[in-house]
PDB file of N, CA and C in Angstrom:
ATOM      1  N   MET A   1     -28.454 -20.839 -65.598  1.00  0.00           N
ATOM      2  CA  MET A   1     -28.727 -20.564 -66.973  1.00  0.00           C
ATOM      3  C   MET A   1     -30.184 -20.874 -67.298  1.00  0.00           C
ATOM      4  N   GLY A   2     -30.666 -22.026 -66.947  1.00  0.00           N
ATOM      5  CA  GLY A   2     -32.049 -22.358 -67.273  1.00  0.00           C
ATOM      6  C   GLY A   2     -32.834 -22.693 -66.025  1.00  0.00           C
ATOM      7  N   ARG A   3     -34.090 -22.393 -66.096  1.00  0.00           N
ATOM      8  CA  ARG A   3     -34.938 -22.763 -64.970  1.00  0.00           C
ATOM      9  C   ARG A   3     -35.429 -24.181 -65.194  1.00  0.00           C
ATOM     10  N   LYS A   4     -35.576 -24.900 -64.115  1.00  0.00           N
ATOM     11  CA  LYS A   4     -36.099 -26.251 -64.232  1.00  0.00           C
ATOM     12  C   LYS A   4     -37.583 -26.195 -64.510  1.00  0.00           C
ATOM     13  N   LYS A   5     -38.037 -27.087 -65.348  1.00  0.00           N
ATOM     14  CA  LYS A   5     -39.451 -27.158 -65.682  1.00  0.00           C
ATOM     15  C   LYS A   5     -40.199 -27.739 -64.483  1.00  0.00           C
ATOM     16  N   LYS A   6     -41.262 -27.049 -64.088  1.00  0.00           N
ATOM     17  CA  LYS A   6     -42.034 -27.513 -62.937  1.00  0.00           C
ATOM     18  C   LYS A   6     -42.934 -28.663 -63.328  1.00  0.00           C
ATOM     19  N   ASP A   7     -43.048 -29.599 -62.444  1.00  0.00           N
ATOM     20  CA  ASP A   7     -44.027 -30.665 -62.603  1.00  0.00           C
ATOM     21  C   ASP A   7     -45.395 -30.057 -62.313  1.00  0.00           C
ATOM     22  N   ILE A   8     -46.422 -30.565 -62.936  1.00  0.00           N
ATOM     23  CA  ILE A   8     -47.768 -30.002 -62.765  1.00  0.00           C
ATOM     24  C   ILE A   8     -48.208 -30.050 -61.304  1.00  0.00           C
ATOM     25  N   SER A   9     -47.690 -30.988 -60.547  1.00  0.00           N
ATOM     26  CA  SER A   9     -48.068 -31.067 -59.134  1.00  0.00           C
ATOM     27  C   SER A   9     -47.447 -29.931 -58.320  1.00  0.00           C
ATOM     28  N   GLN A  10     -46.430 -29.264 -58.846  1.00  0.00           N
ATOM     29  CA  GLN A  10     -45.789 -28.164 -58.140  1.00  0.00           C
ATOM     30  C   GLN A  10     -46.428 -26.809 -58.442  1.00  0.00           C
ATOM     31  N   VAL A  11     -47.365 -26.767 -59.376  1.00  0.00           N
ATOM     32  CA  VAL A  11     -48.032 -25.519 -59.727  1.00  0.00           C
ATOM     33  C   VAL A  11     -49.180 -25.290 -58.748  1.00  0.00           C
ATOM     34  N   SER A  12     -49.271 -24.083 -58.243  1.00  0.00           N
ATOM     35  CA  SER A  12     -50.296 -23.786 -57.244  1.00  0.00           C
ATOM     36  C   SER A  12     -51.695 -23.865 -57.866  1.00  0.00           C
ATOM     37  N   PRO A  13     -52.696 -24.166 -57.044  1.00  0.00           N
ATOM     38  CA  PRO A  13     -54.067 -24.219 -57.555  1.00  0.00           C
ATOM     39  C   PRO A  13     -54.546 -22.900 -58.159  1.00  0.00           C
ATOM     40  N   ALA A  14     -54.086 -21.783 -57.605  1.00  0.00           N
ATOM     41  CA  ALA A  14     -54.481 -20.484 -58.155  1.00  0.00           C
ATOM     42  C   ALA A  14     -53.924 -20.310 -59.574  1.00  0.00           C
ATOM     43  N   ARG A  15     -52.685 -20.720 -59.788  1.00  0.00           N
ATOM     44  CA  ARG A  15     -52.104 -20.617 -61.136  1.00  0.00           C
ATOM     45  C   ARG A  15     -52.779 -21.571 -62.100  1.00  0.00           C
ATOM     46  N   LYS A  16     -53.118 -22.767 -61.628  1.00  0.00           N
ATOM     47  CA  LYS A  16     -53.843 -23.716 -62.481  1.00  0.00           C
ATOM     48  C   LYS A  16     -55.185 -23.124 -62.908  1.00  0.00           C
ATOM     49  N   ALA A  17     -55.872 -22.500 -61.971  1.00  0.00           N
ATOM     50  CA  ALA A  17     -57.165 -21.887 -62.286  1.00  0.00           C
ATOM     51  C   ALA A  17     -56.994 -20.734 -63.269  1.00  0.00           C
ATOM     52  N   ALA A  18     -55.975 -19.911 -63.058  1.00  0.00           N
ATOM     53  CA  ALA A  18     -55.733 -18.780 -63.959  1.00  0.00           C
ATOM     54  C   ALA A  18     -55.407 -19.273 -65.365  1.00  0.00           C
ATOM     55  N   LEU A  19     -54.580 -20.297 -65.469  1.00  0.00           N
ATOM     56  CA  LEU A  19     -54.259 -20.843 -66.786  1.00  0.00           C
ATOM     57  C   LEU A  19     -55.487 -21.457 -67.446  1.00  0.00           C
ATOM     58  N   GLY A  20     -56.341 -22.083 -66.658  1.00  0.00           N
ATOM     59  CA  GLY A  20     -57.577 -22.633 -67.197  1.00  0.00           C
ATOM     60  C   GLY A  20     -58.500 -21.555 -67.740  1.00  0.00           C
ATOM     61  N   VAL A  21     -58.623 -20.474 -66.990  1.00  0.00           N
ATOM     62  CA  VAL A  21     -59.466 -19.355 -67.435  1.00  0.00           C
ATOM     63  C   VAL A  21     -58.891 -18.728 -68.700  1.00  0.00           C
ATOM     64  N   LEU A  22     -57.577 -18.515 -68.736  1.00  0.00           N
ATOM     65  CA  LEU A  22     -56.944 -17.957 -69.936  1.00  0.00           C
ATOM     66  C   LEU A  22     -57.148 -18.863 -71.147  1.00  0.00           C
ATOM     67  N   GLY A  23     -57.075 -20.154 -70.937  1.00  0.00           N
ATOM     68  CA  GLY A  23     -57.309 -21.099 -72.029  1.00  0.00           C
ATOM     69  C   GLY A  23     -58.729 -21.015 -72.556  1.00  0.00           C
ATOM     70  N   ILE A  24     -59.684 -20.906 -71.648  1.00  0.00           N
ATOM     71  CA  ILE A  24     -61.087 -20.796 -72.050  1.00  0.00           C
ATOM     72  C   ILE A  24     -61.328 -19.495 -72.807  1.00  0.00           C
ATOM     73  N   VAL A  25     -60.748 -18.397 -72.332  1.00  0.00           N
ATOM     74  CA  VAL A  25     -60.908 -17.105 -73.011  1.00  0.00           C
ATOM     75  C   VAL A  25     -60.282 -17.158 -74.405  1.00  0.00           C
ATOM     76  N   GLN A  26     -59.130 -17.783 -74.516  1.00  0.00           N
ATOM     77  CA  GLN A  26     -58.460 -17.901 -75.810  1.00  0.00           C
ATOM     78  C   GLN A  26     -59.307 -18.693 -76.801  1.00  0.00           C
ATOM     79  N   VAL A  27     -59.864 -19.801 -76.376  1.00  0.00           N
ATOM     80  CA  VAL A  27     -60.715 -20.617 -77.247  1.00  0.00           C
ATOM     81  C   VAL A  27     -61.981 -19.854 -77.615  1.00  0.00           C
ATOM     82  N   ALA A  28     -62.555 -19.133 -76.662  1.00  0.00           N
ATOM     83  CA  ALA A  28     -63.765 -18.349 -76.942  1.00  0.00           C
ATOM     84  C   ALA A  28     -63.470 -17.229 -77.937  1.00  0.00           C
ATOM     85  N   PHE A  29     -62.320 -16.591 -77.825  1.00  0.00           N
ATOM     86  CA  PHE A  29     -61.919 -15.525 -78.744  1.00  0.00           C
ATOM     87  C   PHE A  29     -61.798 -16.069 -80.169  1.00  0.00           C
ATOM     88  N   ALA A  30     -61.164 -17.230 -80.314  1.00  0.00           N
ATOM     89  CA  ALA A  30     -61.028 -17.853 -81.631  1.00  0.00           C
ATOM     90  C   ALA A  30     -62.391 -18.294 -82.161  1.00  0.00           C
ATOM     91  N   ALA A  31     -63.240 -18.849 -81.293  1.00  0.00           N
ATOM     92  CA  ALA A  31     -64.572 -19.278 -81.720  1.00  0.00           C
ATOM     93  C   ALA A  31     -65.399 -18.086 -82.198  1.00  0.00           C
ATOM     94  N   LEU A  32     -65.296 -16.974 -81.505  1.00  0.00           N
ATOM     95  CA  LEU A  32     -66.007 -15.762 -81.918  1.00  0.00           C
ATOM     96  C   LEU A  32     -65.505 -15.276 -83.280  1.00  0.00           C
ATOM     97  N   ALA A  33     -64.209 -15.334 -83.502  1.00  0.00           N
ATOM     98  CA  ALA A  33     -63.642 -14.925 -84.788  1.00  0.00           C
ATOM     99  C   ALA A  33     -64.130 -15.852 -85.900  1.00  0.00           C
ATOM    100  N   PHE A  34     -64.162 -17.165 -85.647  1.00  0.00           N
ATOM    101  CA  PHE A  34     -64.660 -18.101 -86.661  1.00  0.00           C
ATOM    102  C   PHE A  34     -66.143 -17.877 -86.931  1.00  0.00           C
ATOM    103  N   TRP A  35     -66.908 -17.624 -85.892  1.00  0.00           N
ATOM    104  CA  TRP A  35     -68.348 -17.363 -86.077  1.00  0.00           C
ATOM    105  C   TRP A  35     -68.539 -16.110 -86.919  1.00  0.00           C
ATOM    106  N   ASP A  36     -67.797 -15.064 -86.604  1.00  0.00           N
ATOM    107  CA  ASP A  36     -67.898 -13.820 -87.348  1.00  0.00           C
ATOM    108  C   ASP A  36     -67.496 -14.029 -88.810  1.00  0.00           C
ATOM    109  N   LEU A  37     -66.417 -14.770 -89.035  1.00  0.00           N
ATOM    110  CA  LEU A  37     -65.957 -15.057 -90.391  1.00  0.00           C
ATOM    111  C   LEU A  37     -67.028 -15.802 -91.188  1.00  0.00           C
ATOM    112  N   ALA A  38     -67.684 -16.743 -90.562  1.00  0.00           N
ATOM    113  CA  ALA A  38     -68.708 -17.529 -91.251  1.00  0.00           C
ATOM    114  C   ALA A  38     -69.933 -16.698 -91.616  1.00  0.00           C
ATOM    115  N   HIS A  39     -70.215 -15.651 -90.860  1.00  0.00           N
ATOM    116  CA  HIS A  39     -71.422 -14.856 -91.077  1.00  0.00           C
ATOM    117  C   HIS A  39     -71.198 -13.584 -91.891  1.00  0.00           C
ATOM    118  N   ARG A  40     -69.995 -13.350 -92.353  1.00  0.00           N
ATOM    119  CA  ARG A  40     -69.719 -12.168 -93.167  1.00  0.00           C
ATOM    120  C   ARG A  40     -69.680 -12.538 -94.642  1.00  0.00           C
ATOM    121  N   THR A  41     -70.033 -11.580 -95.496  1.00  0.00           N
ATOM    122  CA  THR A  41     -69.921 -11.780 -96.935  1.00  0.00           C
ATOM    123  C   THR A  41     -68.487 -11.491 -97.365  1.00  0.00           C
ATOM    124  N   ASP A  42     -68.147 -11.920 -98.574  1.00  0.00           N
ATOM    125  CA  ASP A  42     -66.798 -11.684 -99.087  1.00  0.00           C
ATOM    126  C   ASP A  42     -66.490 -10.192 -99.218  1.00  0.00           C
ATOM    127  N   ILE A  43     -67.509  -9.404 -99.513  1.00  0.00           N
ATOM    128  CA  ILE A  43     -67.322  -7.956 -99.667  1.00  0.00           C
ATOM    129  C   ILE A  43     -66.936  -7.307 -98.336  1.00  0.00           C
ATOM    130  N   GLN A  44     -67.386  -7.867 -97.239  1.00  0.00           N
ATOM    131  CA  GLN A  44     -67.113  -7.297 -95.924  1.00  0.00           C
ATOM    132  C   GLN A  44     -65.714  -7.632 -95.402  1.00  0.00           C
ATOM    133  N   LEU A  45     -64.978  -8.472 -96.112  1.00  0.00           N
ATOM    134  CA  LEU A  45     -63.667  -8.923 -95.644  1.00  0.00           C
ATOM    135  C   LEU A  45     -62.551  -8.417 -96.538  1.00  0.00           C
ATOM    136  N   ARG A  46     -61.393  -8.281 -95.964  1.00  0.00           N
ATOM    137  CA  ARG A  46     -60.174  -8.022 -96.730  1.00  0.00           C
ATOM    138  C   ARG A  46     -59.523  -9.379 -96.958  1.00  0.00           C
ATOM    139  N   GLY A  47     -59.510  -9.824 -98.191  1.00  0.00           N
ATOM    140  CA  GLY A  47     -58.952 -11.134 -98.502  1.00  0.00           C
ATOM    141  C   GLY A  47     -60.032 -12.200 -98.543  1.00  0.00           C
ATOM    142  N   ALA A  48     -59.619 -13.395 -98.919  1.00  0.00           N
ATOM    143  CA  ALA A  48     -60.547 -14.517 -99.046  1.00  0.00           C
ATOM    144  C   ALA A  48     -60.809 -15.175 -97.698  1.00  0.00           C
ATOM    145  N   LYS A  49     -62.027 -15.690 -97.540  1.00  0.00           N
ATOM    146  CA  LYS A  49     -62.375 -16.362 -96.286  1.00  0.00           C
ATOM    147  C   LYS A  49     -61.413 -17.501 -95.942  1.00  0.00           C
ATOM    148  N   PRO A  50     -61.093 -18.390 -96.904  1.00  0.00           N
ATOM    149  CA  PRO A  50     -60.181 -19.495 -96.543  1.00  0.00           C
ATOM    150  C   PRO A  50     -58.809 -19.035 -96.059  1.00  0.00           C
ATOM    151  N   ALA A  51     -58.379 -17.870 -96.484  1.00  0.00           N
ATOM    152  CA  ALA A  51     -57.074 -17.356 -96.047  1.00  0.00           C
ATOM    153  C   ALA A  51     -57.086 -16.941 -94.583  1.00  0.00           C
ATOM    154  N   TRP A  52     -58.247 -16.596 -94.053  1.00  0.00           N
ATOM    155  CA  TRP A  52     -58.328 -16.156 -92.664  1.00  0.00           C
ATOM    156  C   TRP A  52     -58.357 -17.316 -91.673  1.00  0.00           C
ATOM    157  N   ILE A  53     -58.680 -18.509 -92.132  1.00  0.00           N
ATOM    158  CA  ILE A  53     -58.771 -19.659 -91.216  1.00  0.00           C
ATOM    159  C   ILE A  53     -57.437 -19.938 -90.515  1.00  0.00           C
ATOM    160  N   PRO A  54     -56.323 -20.103 -91.239  1.00  0.00           N
ATOM    161  CA  PRO A  54     -55.065 -20.338 -90.506  1.00  0.00           C
ATOM    162  C   PRO A  54     -54.615 -19.146 -89.671  1.00  0.00           C
ATOM    163  N   VAL A  55     -54.985 -17.951 -90.082  1.00  0.00           N
ATOM    164  CA  VAL A  55     -54.615 -16.763 -89.295  1.00  0.00           C
ATOM    165  C   VAL A  55     -55.309 -16.815 -87.939  1.00  0.00           C
ATOM    166  N   ILE A  56     -56.592 -17.133 -87.930  1.00  0.00           N
ATOM    167  CA  ILE A  56     -57.354 -17.180 -86.680  1.00  0.00           C
ATOM    168  C   ILE A  56     -56.825 -18.264 -85.750  1.00  0.00           C
ATOM    169  N   LEU A  57     -56.250 -19.313 -86.302  1.00  0.00           N
ATOM    170  CA  LEU A  57     -55.738 -20.409 -85.478  1.00  0.00           C
ATOM    171  C   LEU A  57     -54.477 -20.060 -84.692  1.00  0.00           C
ATOM    172  N   VAL A  58     -53.843 -18.939 -85.005  1.00  0.00           N
ATOM    173  CA  VAL A  58     -52.659 -18.506 -84.248  1.00  0.00           C
ATOM    174  C   VAL A  58     -53.148 -17.922 -82.920  1.00  0.00           C
ATOM    175  N   ASN A  59     -52.696 -18.495 -81.834  1.00  0.00           N
ATOM    176  CA  ASN A  59     -53.184 -18.121 -80.507  1.00  0.00           C
ATOM    177  C   ASN A  59     -53.138 -16.623 -80.259  1.00  0.00           C
ATOM    178  N   TRP A  60     -54.209 -16.094 -79.718  1.00  0.00           N
ATOM    179  CA  TRP A  60     -54.406 -14.703 -79.330  1.00  0.00           C
ATOM    180  C   TRP A  60     -54.201 -13.717 -80.479  1.00  0.00           C
ATOM    181  N   ILE A  61     -53.066 -13.789 -81.133  1.00  0.00           N
ATOM    182  CA  ILE A  61     -52.733 -12.813 -82.165  1.00  0.00           C
ATOM    183  C   ILE A  61     -53.634 -12.980 -83.384  1.00  0.00           C
ATOM    184  N   GLY A  62     -53.909 -14.201 -83.792  1.00  0.00           N
ATOM    185  CA  GLY A  62     -54.697 -14.449 -84.984  1.00  0.00           C
ATOM    186  C   GLY A  62     -56.093 -13.840 -84.939  1.00  0.00           C
ATOM    187  N   PRO A  63     -56.885 -14.144 -83.901  1.00  0.00           N
ATOM    188  CA  PRO A  63     -58.210 -13.519 -83.829  1.00  0.00           C
ATOM    189  C   PRO A  63     -58.136 -11.994 -83.732  1.00  0.00           C
ATOM    190  N   ALA A  64     -57.149 -11.477 -83.019  1.00  0.00           N
ATOM    191  CA  ALA A  64     -57.007 -10.021 -82.911  1.00  0.00           C
ATOM    192  C   ALA A  64     -56.691  -9.410 -84.274  1.00  0.00           C
ATOM    193  N   VAL A  65     -55.808 -10.046 -85.035  1.00  0.00           N
ATOM    194  CA  VAL A  65     -55.474  -9.561 -86.377  1.00  0.00           C
ATOM    195  C   VAL A  65     -56.710  -9.604 -87.264  1.00  0.00           C
ATOM    196  N   TYR A  66     -57.487 -10.677 -87.153  1.00  0.00           N
ATOM    197  CA  TYR A  66     -58.709 -10.782 -87.956  1.00  0.00           C
ATOM    198  C   TYR A  66     -59.663  -9.621 -87.644  1.00  0.00           C
ATOM    199  N   PHE A  67     -59.914  -9.370 -86.372  1.00  0.00           N
ATOM    200  CA  PHE A  67     -60.862  -8.317 -86.007  1.00  0.00           C
ATOM    201  C   PHE A  67     -60.350  -6.915 -86.345  1.00  0.00           C
ATOM    202  N   VAL A  68     -59.043  -6.699 -86.273  1.00  0.00           N
ATOM    203  CA  VAL A  68     -58.494  -5.371 -86.543  1.00  0.00           C
ATOM    204  C   VAL A  68     -58.290  -5.135 -88.040  1.00  0.00           C
ATOM    205  N   PHE A  69     -57.744  -6.121 -88.749  1.00  0.00           N
ATOM    206  CA  PHE A  69     -57.372  -5.915 -90.149  1.00  0.00           C
ATOM    207  C   PHE A  69     -58.246  -6.660 -91.155  1.00  0.00           C
ATOM    208  N   GLY A  70     -58.966  -7.677 -90.736  1.00  0.00           N
ATOM    209  CA  GLY A  70     -59.695  -8.511 -91.684  1.00  0.00           C
ATOM    210  C   GLY A  70     -61.064  -8.012 -92.079  1.00  0.00           C
ATOM    211  N   ILE A  71     -61.655  -7.183 -91.261  1.00  0.00           N
ATOM    212  CA  ILE A  71     -63.014  -6.721 -91.510  1.00  0.00           C
ATOM    213  C   ILE A  71     -62.967  -5.322 -92.109  1.00  0.00           C
ATOM    214  N   ARG A  72     -63.643  -5.168 -93.227  1.00  0.00           N
ATOM    215  CA  ARG A  72     -63.732  -3.838 -93.858  1.00  0.00           C
ATOM    216  C   ARG A  72     -64.719  -2.997 -93.059  1.00  0.00           C
ATOM    217  N   ARG A  73     -64.328  -1.814 -92.723  1.00  0.00           N
ATOM    218  CA  ARG A  73     -65.200  -0.910 -91.970  1.00  0.00           C
ATOM    219  C   ARG A  73     -65.926   0.063 -92.873  1.00  0.00           C
ATOM    220  N   ASP A  74     -65.532   0.142 -94.147  1.00  0.00           N
ATOM    221  CA  ASP A  74     -66.082   1.127 -95.047  1.00  0.00           C
ATOM    222  C   ASP A  74     -67.197   0.591 -95.955  1.00  0.00           C
ATOM    223  N   THR A  75     -67.731  -0.598 -95.673  1.00  0.00           N
ATOM    224  CA  THR A  75     -68.808  -1.136 -96.504  1.00  0.00           C
ATOM    225  C   THR A  75     -70.131  -0.504 -96.134  1.00  0.00           C
ATOM    226  N   ARG A  76     -71.006  -0.400 -97.087  1.00  0.00           N
ATOM    227  CA  ARG A  76     -72.323   0.188 -96.850  1.00  0.00           C
ATOM    228  C   ARG A  76     -73.392  -0.792 -97.146  1.00  0.00           C
TER     229      ARG A  76
END
């Protein structure tokens, strides 16, 4: 029914490295979203800046939602 949880010593070095890289990419993606949010004006965003902060904190999905739906593309 359930798989046993592996001890960290049972995880292969290649998987540890892959998880480390994925973690770094995830943090970089969120950092880029926060940087972009800080440098945009209110007119360039859909919604208020403070509302986007908790959205960006949701792993992977949050920064993607911000970049796809949070930025107005029709500003001049």
